[in-house]
N, C-alpha and C. Protein backbone atom coordinates (compact mmCIF):
# COMPACT_ATOMS: atom_id res chain seq x y z
N UNK A 1 175.89 99.51 134.43
CA UNK A 1 175.52 100.75 133.16
C UNK A 1 177.12 100.51 131.92
N UNK A 2 178.24 100.28 132.22
CA UNK A 2 178.86 99.92 131.19
C UNK A 2 178.85 98.43 130.26
N UNK A 3 178.33 97.70 131.14
CA UNK A 3 177.67 96.01 129.97
C UNK A 3 176.70 96.72 128.84
N UNK A 4 175.82 97.70 128.83
CA UNK A 4 174.69 98.78 128.32
C UNK A 4 175.10 99.27 127.34
N UNK A 5 176.39 99.74 127.72
CA UNK A 5 177.10 100.99 126.87
C UNK A 5 178.06 100.37 125.89
N UNK A 6 178.34 98.95 126.47
CA UNK A 6 179.47 98.34 126.04
C UNK A 6 179.01 97.46 124.70
N UNK A 7 177.39 97.23 124.72
CA UNK A 7 176.55 96.02 124.17
C UNK A 7 176.28 97.18 122.92
N UNK A 8 176.25 98.62 123.04
CA UNK A 8 175.83 99.47 121.98
C UNK A 8 176.51 99.99 121.18
N UNK A 9 178.07 100.24 121.88
CA UNK A 9 178.93 100.58 120.93
C UNK A 9 180.28 99.70 120.19
N UNK A 10 179.25 98.26 120.64
CA UNK A 10 180.92 97.28 119.77
C UNK A 10 180.08 96.95 118.20
N UNK A 11 178.53 97.07 118.36
CA UNK A 11 178.47 96.95 116.68
C UNK A 11 178.71 97.97 116.17
N UNK A 12 178.85 99.00 116.50
CA UNK A 12 178.67 99.91 115.70
C UNK A 12 180.26 100.41 115.41
N UNK A 13 181.22 100.46 116.21
CA UNK A 13 182.34 99.97 115.84
C UNK A 13 182.47 99.62 114.88
N UNK A 14 181.95 98.28 115.13
CA UNK A 14 182.46 96.93 114.18
C UNK A 14 181.74 97.53 113.08
N UNK A 15 181.01 98.04 112.63
CA UNK A 15 180.57 98.62 111.20
C UNK A 15 181.74 99.04 110.31
N UNK A 16 182.52 99.48 111.67
CA UNK A 16 183.61 101.08 111.05
C UNK A 16 185.01 99.74 110.83
N UNK A 17 185.00 98.69 110.97
CA UNK A 17 186.02 97.79 110.99
C UNK A 17 187.29 97.66 112.58
N UNK A 18 186.16 98.17 113.25
CA UNK A 18 187.16 98.82 114.78
C UNK A 18 186.28 97.75 115.74
N UNK A 19 187.48 97.08 116.25
CA UNK A 19 187.04 96.23 117.56
C UNK A 19 186.74 97.15 118.69
N UNK A 20 185.95 96.65 119.49
CA UNK A 20 185.91 97.89 120.92
C UNK A 20 186.51 96.49 122.00
N UNK A 21 187.59 96.47 122.57
CA UNK A 21 188.07 95.72 123.18
C UNK A 21 187.92 96.14 124.70
N UNK A 22 188.01 97.57 125.39
CA UNK A 22 187.44 97.47 126.88
C UNK A 22 186.24 99.30 126.53
N UNK A 23 186.03 99.16 127.90
CA UNK A 23 185.09 100.38 128.01
C UNK A 23 185.41 100.46 129.50
N UNK A 24 185.55 101.58 130.09
CA UNK A 24 185.16 101.73 131.38
C UNK A 24 184.82 102.87 131.58
N UNK A 25 183.44 103.01 132.73
CA UNK A 25 182.52 104.25 133.16
C UNK A 25 182.74 104.65 134.22
N UNK A 26 183.72 105.65 134.57
CA UNK A 26 183.79 105.83 136.17
C UNK A 26 182.75 107.74 136.38
N UNK A 27 183.17 108.12 137.35
CA UNK A 27 182.01 109.49 137.46
C UNK A 27 181.83 110.34 136.57
N UNK A 28 183.35 110.71 135.90
CA UNK A 28 182.55 111.74 134.77
C UNK A 28 184.10 111.43 133.57
N UNK A 29 184.21 109.90 133.09
CA UNK A 29 184.76 109.53 132.28
C UNK A 29 184.25 108.21 131.53
N UNK A 30 184.18 108.63 130.06
CA UNK A 30 184.17 107.43 129.56
C UNK A 30 184.92 106.58 128.68
N UNK A 31 186.12 105.77 129.20
CA UNK A 31 187.33 105.36 128.08
C UNK A 31 187.18 104.29 127.35
N UNK A 32 187.12 104.74 126.30
CA UNK A 32 186.71 103.29 124.78
C UNK A 32 188.05 103.31 124.61
N UNK A 33 188.32 101.85 124.55
CA UNK A 33 189.85 100.89 124.14
C UNK A 33 189.03 100.52 122.82
N UNK A 34 189.96 100.81 121.54
CA UNK A 34 189.27 100.26 119.73
C UNK A 34 190.97 99.37 119.51
N UNK A 35 190.58 98.43 119.00
CA UNK A 35 191.66 98.16 117.76
C UNK A 35 191.15 97.40 116.60
N UNK A 36 192.47 97.27 115.62
CA UNK A 36 191.80 96.88 114.08
C UNK A 36 193.32 95.75 113.90
N UNK A 37 193.12 94.91 113.36
CA UNK A 37 194.00 94.56 112.64
C UNK A 37 194.85 95.14 112.17
N UNK A 38 196.46 95.27 112.40
CA UNK A 38 197.45 96.66 112.02
C UNK A 38 197.29 97.49 112.66
N UNK A 39 196.63 97.50 113.86
CA UNK A 39 196.86 98.37 114.69
C UNK A 39 196.04 100.00 114.34
N UNK A 40 196.15 100.59 114.66
CA UNK A 40 194.79 102.31 114.79
C UNK A 40 195.82 102.82 114.90
N UNK A 41 195.62 104.04 114.29
CA UNK A 41 196.01 104.85 114.07
C UNK A 41 194.97 106.57 114.04
N UNK A 42 195.80 107.55 114.45
CA UNK A 42 194.91 109.01 114.97
C UNK A 42 193.76 108.62 113.85
N UNK A 43 193.78 108.90 112.26
CA UNK A 43 192.26 108.63 111.69
C UNK A 43 191.49 107.57 112.29
N UNK A 44 191.82 106.63 112.47
CA UNK A 44 190.90 105.27 113.06
C UNK A 44 190.49 106.29 114.75
N UNK A 45 191.22 106.00 115.23
CA UNK A 45 190.85 107.01 116.89
C UNK A 45 189.51 107.94 116.71
N UNK A 46 190.42 108.81 115.44
CA UNK A 46 188.95 109.94 115.58
C UNK A 46 187.63 109.36 114.95
N UNK A 47 187.42 108.45 114.02
CA UNK A 47 186.20 107.78 113.51
C UNK A 47 185.68 107.46 115.55
N UNK A 48 186.35 106.29 115.55
CA UNK A 48 186.09 105.66 116.97
C UNK A 48 185.24 107.14 117.76
N UNK A 49 185.87 107.73 117.90
CA UNK A 49 185.37 108.79 118.53
C UNK A 49 184.06 109.54 118.38
N UNK A 50 183.87 109.88 116.54
CA UNK A 50 182.59 110.63 116.53
C UNK A 50 181.74 109.00 116.80
N UNK A 51 182.11 107.95 116.25
CA UNK A 51 180.92 106.65 116.33
C UNK A 51 180.58 106.88 117.98
N UNK A 52 181.35 107.24 118.56
CA UNK A 52 180.92 106.79 120.13
C UNK A 52 180.18 108.01 120.92
N UNK A 53 180.66 109.37 120.63
CA UNK A 53 180.80 110.52 120.73
C UNK A 53 179.01 110.73 120.21
N UNK A 54 178.83 110.19 119.47
CA UNK A 54 176.98 110.32 118.42
C UNK A 54 176.26 109.14 119.56
N UNK A 55 176.72 107.92 119.07
CA UNK A 55 175.85 106.93 120.29
C UNK A 55 175.79 107.84 122.01
N UNK A 56 176.94 108.34 122.42
CA UNK A 56 176.57 108.57 123.75
C UNK A 56 175.41 109.45 124.18
N UNK A 57 176.18 110.54 123.27
CA UNK A 57 174.78 111.65 123.30
C UNK A 57 173.26 111.20 123.12
N UNK A 58 173.07 109.83 122.31
CA UNK A 58 171.53 109.87 122.21
C UNK A 58 171.57 108.62 124.02
N UNK A 59 172.13 108.74 123.94
CA UNK A 59 172.36 107.35 125.24
C UNK A 59 171.74 108.31 126.76
N UNK A 60 172.83 109.31 126.66
CA UNK A 60 173.16 110.06 127.66
C UNK A 60 173.19 109.50 129.00
N UNK A 61 174.13 108.24 129.33
CA UNK A 61 174.71 107.17 130.49
C UNK A 61 174.78 108.32 131.10
N UNK A 62 175.69 109.35 131.61
CA UNK A 62 176.20 110.29 132.58
C UNK A 62 175.40 111.71 133.05
N UNK A 63 174.78 111.76 133.72
CA UNK A 63 174.56 113.16 133.29
C UNK A 63 175.31 113.94 133.70
N UNK A 64 175.42 115.33 133.13
CA UNK A 64 176.21 116.22 133.25
C UNK A 64 177.04 116.01 132.25
N UNK A 65 178.50 116.90 133.44
CA UNK A 65 179.52 116.62 131.73
C UNK A 65 180.69 115.57 132.06
N UNK A 66 181.23 115.15 130.99
CA UNK A 66 182.17 113.80 131.04
C UNK A 66 182.98 114.33 129.98
N UNK A 67 183.87 113.27 130.43
CA UNK A 67 185.12 113.29 129.38
C UNK A 67 185.15 111.82 128.71
N UNK A 68 184.81 112.06 127.01
CA UNK A 68 185.22 110.65 126.27
C UNK A 68 186.97 110.26 126.00
N UNK A 69 187.41 109.50 126.24
CA UNK A 69 188.68 109.28 126.16
C UNK A 69 188.53 108.35 125.11
N UNK A 70 189.08 108.04 123.93
CA UNK A 70 189.05 106.95 123.32
C UNK A 70 190.87 106.71 123.15
N UNK A 71 191.25 105.88 122.92
CA UNK A 71 192.66 104.98 122.37
C UNK A 71 192.63 103.43 122.29
N UNK A 72 193.73 103.54 121.80
CA UNK A 72 194.08 102.41 121.23
C UNK A 72 194.99 101.39 123.08
N UNK A 73 194.87 100.33 122.37
CA UNK A 73 195.06 98.96 123.52
C UNK A 73 196.50 99.21 124.24
N UNK A 74 197.21 99.42 123.37
CA UNK A 74 198.66 100.03 123.71
C UNK A 74 199.40 98.21 124.53
N UNK A 75 200.65 98.76 124.67
CA UNK A 75 201.10 97.19 125.09
C UNK A 75 200.86 95.81 125.96
N UNK A 76 200.17 96.90 127.34
CA UNK A 76 199.94 95.87 128.03
C UNK A 76 197.88 96.76 128.17
N UNK A 77 197.23 95.48 127.95
CA UNK A 77 195.84 95.90 127.55
C UNK A 77 195.11 94.91 128.31
N UNK A 78 193.72 95.22 128.52
CA UNK A 78 193.07 94.19 129.80
C UNK A 78 192.38 92.77 128.83
N UNK A 79 192.20 92.12 128.92
CA UNK A 79 191.37 91.10 128.84
C UNK A 79 189.67 90.86 128.95
N UNK A 80 189.14 90.78 127.98
CA UNK A 80 187.71 91.05 128.74
C UNK A 80 186.73 89.59 128.40
N UNK A 81 187.23 89.23 126.85
CA UNK A 81 186.37 87.96 126.05
C UNK A 81 186.74 86.91 125.91
N UNK A 82 186.43 85.91 125.67
CA UNK A 82 187.32 84.65 125.27
C UNK A 82 188.09 84.81 124.03
N UNK A 83 187.61 85.63 122.99
CA UNK A 83 188.54 85.86 122.16
C UNK A 83 189.42 86.80 122.64
N UNK A 84 189.50 88.00 123.10
CA UNK A 84 190.49 88.75 123.72
C UNK A 84 191.84 87.81 124.40
N UNK A 85 191.23 86.89 125.07
CA UNK A 85 192.19 85.60 125.37
C UNK A 85 192.93 84.87 124.23
N UNK A 86 191.90 84.32 123.73
CA UNK A 86 192.50 83.52 122.96
C UNK A 86 193.34 84.01 121.27
N UNK A 87 193.60 85.41 121.36
CA UNK A 87 194.54 86.03 120.71
C UNK A 87 195.85 86.60 121.64
N UNK A 88 195.46 86.37 122.75
CA UNK A 88 197.21 86.64 123.63
C UNK A 88 197.78 85.21 123.87
N UNK A 89 196.65 84.11 123.38
CA UNK A 89 198.07 83.11 124.13
C UNK A 89 199.38 82.74 123.21
N UNK A 90 199.90 82.70 124.32
CA UNK A 90 201.79 82.80 124.39
C UNK A 90 202.37 84.22 124.75
N UNK A 91 201.44 84.67 125.17
CA UNK A 91 201.52 86.18 125.87
C UNK A 91 201.89 85.87 127.68
N UNK A 92 202.45 86.75 128.57
CA UNK A 92 202.59 87.20 129.55
C UNK A 92 201.62 87.78 130.16
N UNK A 93 200.62 87.05 130.67
CA UNK A 93 199.64 87.82 131.20
C UNK A 93 199.62 87.91 133.22
N UNK A 94 198.54 88.42 133.34
CA UNK A 94 198.18 88.79 134.51
C UNK A 94 197.45 88.89 134.75
N UNK A 95 196.33 87.84 136.08
CA UNK A 95 195.41 87.45 136.48
C UNK A 95 194.98 87.89 137.87
N UNK A 96 193.77 88.35 138.09
CA UNK A 96 193.59 88.41 139.41
C UNK A 96 191.87 87.79 139.45
N UNK A 97 191.68 86.61 140.72
CA UNK A 97 190.73 85.70 140.61
C UNK A 97 189.97 86.69 141.53
N UNK A 98 188.58 86.09 141.29
CA UNK A 98 187.18 86.38 142.25
C UNK A 98 187.85 85.70 143.44
N UNK A 99 187.14 86.36 144.49
CA UNK A 99 187.33 86.45 145.90
C UNK A 99 186.34 84.65 146.34
N UNK A 100 186.93 83.73 146.54
CA UNK A 100 186.51 82.67 147.20
C UNK A 100 187.12 81.34 146.05
N UNK A 101 187.67 82.06 144.99
CA UNK A 101 188.25 81.23 144.40
C UNK A 101 189.58 80.26 144.43
N UNK A 102 189.63 78.90 144.62
CA UNK A 102 190.56 78.01 145.23
C UNK A 102 191.88 78.45 144.47
N UNK A 103 192.88 78.34 145.82
CA UNK A 103 194.26 78.68 145.25
C UNK A 103 194.57 80.06 145.27
N UNK A 104 195.81 80.56 144.80
CA UNK A 104 195.83 82.51 144.76
C UNK A 104 195.19 82.75 144.07
N UNK A 105 195.27 84.32 144.43
CA UNK A 105 194.29 85.00 143.83
C UNK A 105 194.74 86.00 142.96
N UNK A 106 196.22 86.08 142.69
CA UNK A 106 196.71 87.09 141.50
C UNK A 106 198.04 85.61 141.09
N UNK A 107 197.75 85.59 139.60
CA UNK A 107 198.32 85.00 138.85
C UNK A 107 199.26 85.91 137.77
N UNK A 108 200.37 85.32 137.83
CA UNK A 108 201.50 85.93 136.47
C UNK A 108 202.08 84.50 136.00
N UNK A 109 202.07 84.65 134.65
CA UNK A 109 202.42 83.22 133.87
C UNK A 109 202.30 83.83 132.64
N UNK A 110 202.75 82.89 131.65
CA UNK A 110 202.48 82.59 130.00
C UNK A 110 201.32 81.67 130.21
N UNK A 111 200.23 82.92 129.12
CA UNK A 111 199.01 82.16 128.59
C UNK A 111 199.11 80.89 127.55
N UNK A 112 198.87 79.77 128.17
CA UNK A 112 199.16 78.64 127.70
C UNK A 112 198.17 78.16 126.82
N UNK A 113 196.68 78.40 127.34
CA UNK A 113 195.61 78.11 125.97
C UNK A 113 194.39 78.98 126.44
N UNK A 114 193.60 79.01 125.46
CA UNK A 114 192.12 79.79 125.83
C UNK A 114 191.14 79.26 124.63
N UNK A 115 189.85 78.95 125.46
CA UNK A 115 188.93 78.67 124.60
C UNK A 115 187.20 78.97 124.88
N UNK A 116 186.73 78.71 125.01
CA UNK A 116 185.07 78.88 124.85
C UNK A 116 185.02 79.00 126.12
N UNK A 117 185.51 77.89 127.26
CA UNK A 117 185.42 77.70 128.38
C UNK A 117 186.46 78.59 129.71
N UNK A 118 187.71 78.38 129.30
CA UNK A 118 188.32 79.20 130.29
C UNK A 118 189.72 78.99 129.38
N UNK A 119 190.81 79.47 130.94
CA UNK A 119 192.30 79.53 130.14
C UNK A 119 193.35 78.48 131.05
N UNK A 120 194.30 78.07 130.56
CA UNK A 120 195.73 77.74 131.35
C UNK A 120 196.72 78.15 131.02
N UNK A 121 197.33 78.92 132.38
CA UNK A 121 198.16 79.59 132.76
C UNK A 121 198.99 78.87 133.32
N UNK A 122 200.16 78.72 132.68
CA UNK A 122 201.68 78.38 133.05
C UNK A 122 202.58 79.10 133.81
N UNK A 123 202.78 79.41 135.40
CA UNK A 123 203.84 79.96 136.31
C UNK A 123 204.78 79.19 136.70
N UNK A 124 205.72 80.05 137.71
CA UNK A 124 206.67 79.03 138.30
C UNK A 124 206.21 77.78 139.13
N UNK A 125 204.73 78.01 139.82
CA UNK A 125 203.97 77.22 140.92
C UNK A 125 203.49 75.86 139.84
N UNK A 126 203.22 75.93 138.54
CA UNK A 126 202.71 75.18 137.83
C UNK A 126 201.55 75.41 136.81
N UNK A 127 200.68 74.88 136.41
CA UNK A 127 199.70 75.12 135.36
C UNK A 127 198.59 75.12 135.85
N UNK A 128 197.86 76.12 135.60
CA UNK A 128 196.61 76.98 136.68
C UNK A 128 195.35 76.69 135.25
N UNK A 129 194.36 76.04 135.76
CA UNK A 129 193.16 76.27 134.88
C UNK A 129 192.23 77.12 134.99
N UNK A 130 191.74 77.81 134.76
CA UNK A 130 190.86 78.98 135.22
C UNK A 130 189.70 79.19 134.50
N UNK A 131 188.11 78.98 134.88
CA UNK A 131 187.15 79.44 133.95
C UNK A 131 186.98 80.88 134.06
N UNK A 132 186.39 81.35 132.99
CA UNK A 132 186.26 82.66 132.92
C UNK A 132 185.22 83.28 133.99
N UNK A 133 184.51 82.67 134.54
CA UNK A 133 183.85 83.62 136.05
C UNK A 133 184.82 83.29 137.05
N UNK A 134 185.91 82.62 137.17
CA UNK A 134 186.63 82.72 138.33
C UNK A 134 187.47 84.08 138.33
N UNK A 135 187.40 84.64 136.81
CA UNK A 135 188.77 85.13 136.43
C UNK A 135 187.90 86.81 136.88
N UNK A 136 188.42 87.90 137.98
CA UNK A 136 187.88 89.05 137.95
C UNK A 136 188.25 90.12 137.41
N UNK A 137 189.53 90.32 136.88
CA UNK A 137 190.56 90.79 135.55
C UNK A 137 191.78 90.30 135.69
N UNK A 138 191.67 90.60 133.90
CA UNK A 138 193.09 90.72 133.64
C UNK A 138 193.49 91.19 132.47
N UNK A 139 195.14 90.88 132.47
CA UNK A 139 195.63 91.84 131.59
C UNK A 139 197.12 90.97 131.29
N UNK A 140 197.84 91.75 129.51
CA UNK A 140 198.89 90.84 129.45
C UNK A 140 200.13 91.96 129.97
N UNK A 141 200.90 91.46 130.16
CA UNK A 141 202.31 92.15 130.66
C UNK A 141 203.41 92.21 129.83
N UNK A 142 203.85 93.59 129.52
CA UNK A 142 204.56 93.74 128.63
C UNK A 142 206.46 93.74 129.58
N UNK A 143 206.81 93.06 129.20
CA UNK A 143 208.77 92.94 129.76
C UNK A 143 209.58 93.43 129.07
N UNK A 144 209.92 94.39 129.72
CA UNK A 144 210.74 95.61 129.26
C UNK A 144 212.54 94.97 129.38
N UNK A 145 213.03 94.23 128.19
CA UNK A 145 214.56 93.57 128.38
C UNK A 145 213.94 92.62 128.53
N UNK A 146 215.74 91.44 128.61
CA UNK A 146 216.05 90.63 128.85
C UNK A 146 216.16 90.26 130.26
N UNK A 147 216.71 89.22 131.06
CA UNK A 147 216.92 88.85 132.32
C UNK A 147 218.67 90.11 132.46
N UNK A 148 218.03 90.06 134.25
CA UNK A 148 219.08 91.18 134.89
C UNK A 148 220.40 90.26 134.67
N UNK A 149 221.69 91.35 134.34
CA UNK A 149 222.54 91.13 133.89
C UNK A 149 223.45 90.27 135.69
N UNK A 150 224.11 89.15 135.45
CA UNK A 150 224.99 88.51 136.68
C UNK A 150 225.70 89.62 137.79
N UNK A 151 225.29 89.43 138.84
CA UNK A 151 226.08 90.24 139.89
C UNK A 151 225.50 91.82 140.05
N UNK A 152 224.45 91.94 139.71
CA UNK A 152 223.35 92.96 140.12
C UNK A 152 224.07 94.01 140.21
N UNK A 153 223.37 95.20 140.95
CA UNK A 153 223.82 96.46 140.79
C UNK A 153 224.88 96.62 141.07
N UNK A 154 225.51 97.64 140.53
CA UNK A 154 227.10 98.14 140.41
C UNK A 154 227.33 98.97 141.23
N UNK A 155 226.81 99.67 142.12
CA UNK A 155 226.70 100.54 143.58
C UNK A 155 226.49 99.40 144.56
N UNK A 156 227.64 99.97 145.34
CA UNK A 156 228.34 99.28 146.78
C UNK A 156 227.22 99.71 147.33
N UNK A 157 227.60 99.02 148.68
CA UNK A 157 226.60 99.00 149.72
C UNK A 157 226.42 100.63 150.43
N UNK A 158 228.09 100.90 150.62
CA UNK A 158 228.23 102.33 151.33
C UNK A 158 227.97 103.36 150.38
N UNK A 159 227.73 103.29 148.99
CA UNK A 159 227.56 104.84 148.43
C UNK A 159 225.80 104.33 148.29
N UNK A 160 225.57 103.15 148.62
CA UNK A 160 223.58 103.43 148.30
C UNK A 160 223.43 104.21 149.95
N UNK A 161 223.60 103.51 150.80
CA UNK A 161 223.94 104.16 152.84
C UNK A 161 223.71 105.79 152.39
N UNK A 162 224.37 106.27 151.79
CA UNK A 162 225.22 107.67 152.43
C UNK A 162 224.20 108.56 150.84
N UNK A 163 223.54 108.03 149.99
CA UNK A 163 222.47 108.47 148.99
C UNK A 163 223.61 109.00 147.37
N UNK A 164 225.04 108.27 147.24
CA UNK A 164 225.68 108.74 146.53
C UNK A 164 224.66 107.66 145.50
N UNK A 165 225.29 107.98 143.99
CA UNK A 165 225.31 107.56 142.98
C UNK A 165 223.67 107.44 142.24
N UNK A 166 222.94 108.26 143.88
CA UNK A 166 221.09 108.43 142.83
C UNK A 166 221.41 109.08 142.14
N UNK A 167 220.33 109.35 141.10
CA UNK A 167 220.15 110.52 139.97
C UNK A 167 219.09 111.35 140.61
N UNK A 168 219.55 112.86 140.74
CA UNK A 168 218.72 113.77 140.68
C UNK A 168 217.92 114.03 139.68
N UNK A 169 216.37 114.71 140.05
CA UNK A 169 215.77 114.58 139.05
C UNK A 169 214.93 116.15 139.32
N UNK A 170 214.62 117.38 138.38
CA UNK A 170 214.13 118.45 138.73
C UNK A 170 212.85 117.97 138.65
N UNK A 171 211.60 118.11 139.62
CA UNK A 171 210.29 118.42 139.44
C UNK A 171 209.82 119.20 138.45
N UNK A 172 208.74 119.18 137.83
CA UNK A 172 208.48 119.46 136.71
C UNK A 172 206.99 120.15 137.57
N UNK A 173 206.36 121.39 136.51
CA UNK A 173 204.95 121.91 137.31
C UNK A 173 203.90 121.08 136.99
N UNK A 174 202.62 121.00 137.46
CA UNK A 174 201.91 120.45 137.29
C UNK A 174 201.24 120.15 135.74
N UNK A 175 200.99 121.67 135.55
CA UNK A 175 201.15 121.56 133.60
C UNK A 175 201.94 120.53 132.92
N UNK A 176 202.85 120.45 133.09
CA UNK A 176 204.12 120.06 132.47
C UNK A 176 204.21 118.77 132.53
N UNK A 177 203.65 117.95 134.02
CA UNK A 177 203.92 116.75 133.77
C UNK A 177 202.75 115.86 133.44
N UNK A 178 201.59 117.36 133.37
CA UNK A 178 199.88 116.55 132.24
C UNK A 178 200.37 116.15 131.18
N UNK A 179 200.80 117.28 130.30
CA UNK A 179 201.61 117.41 128.89
C UNK A 179 202.54 116.16 128.45
N UNK A 180 203.43 116.38 129.57
CA UNK A 180 204.27 114.48 129.56
C UNK A 180 203.85 113.56 129.48
N UNK A 181 202.69 113.15 130.29
CA UNK A 181 202.07 111.99 130.46
C UNK A 181 201.20 111.44 129.57
N UNK A 182 200.44 112.63 129.09
CA UNK A 182 199.66 112.38 127.78
C UNK A 182 199.93 112.32 126.65
N UNK A 183 201.44 112.84 126.55
CA UNK A 183 202.18 112.51 125.27
C UNK A 183 203.28 111.49 125.08
N UNK A 184 203.18 110.51 126.52
CA UNK A 184 203.95 109.47 126.33
C UNK A 184 202.66 108.16 126.16
N UNK A 185 201.59 108.46 125.97
CA UNK A 185 201.00 107.18 125.84
C UNK A 185 200.92 106.95 124.67
N UNK A 186 199.95 105.40 124.09
CA UNK A 186 199.61 105.27 123.16
C UNK A 186 199.18 106.19 122.28
N UNK A 187 198.34 106.46 121.06
CA UNK A 187 197.23 107.16 121.01
C UNK A 187 196.19 107.55 121.35
N UNK A 188 195.61 108.31 122.00
CA UNK A 188 194.80 108.30 122.91
C UNK A 188 193.97 110.22 122.17
N UNK A 189 192.24 109.84 122.06
CA UNK A 189 191.64 111.27 121.62
C UNK A 189 191.34 111.41 122.84
N UNK A 190 190.54 112.29 123.39
CA UNK A 190 189.70 112.94 124.69
C UNK A 190 189.00 114.02 124.02
N UNK A 191 187.76 113.92 124.28
CA UNK A 191 186.51 114.76 123.70
C UNK A 191 186.10 115.02 125.29
N UNK A 192 185.43 116.65 125.80
CA UNK A 192 185.01 116.41 127.54
C UNK A 192 183.56 116.65 126.60
N UNK A 193 182.33 116.18 126.90
CA UNK A 193 180.93 116.89 126.32
C UNK A 193 179.93 116.91 127.81
N UNK A 194 179.25 117.81 127.12
CA UNK A 194 178.74 118.54 128.46
C UNK A 194 176.93 117.94 128.08
């Protein structure tokens, strides 16, 4: 079902100079991820939302109510097509291979190259070549800061065992937690339809 929706939405969003990066369809959620050169802003997301909403109203892919979520790809984005991989050359990626593929199922490393046939990933174990048919799921990986400081943690074993040095956090209500989580996402627009 999601491939058929992707095929419908991709040219419609392309006509608005938006690239359809990803599409996820779950029981009551349709999540559309779009991008454009220079990134997307709220106006772009609102436009993408109108285009996707109109097309989905016509297709009616999910019986009953569902939520349409339109967002930017963020710093860690899914890689679906050869073009996505080609744009990510030089970045750190995480790849899960399909069952039965030789070697390890999970690879994380620098995307060395990508073409119409497959990719080369340089990891600690060496360079791995994968065809797109061998890739189950892939995404870019964002690294927060540099290498850890020499000497490790400043906490002593005794304070760690006794629980000293731990930060205490007050829990928030579920409503506060939801609004905080939604506020921390990259730009996202949600609409619930029936």
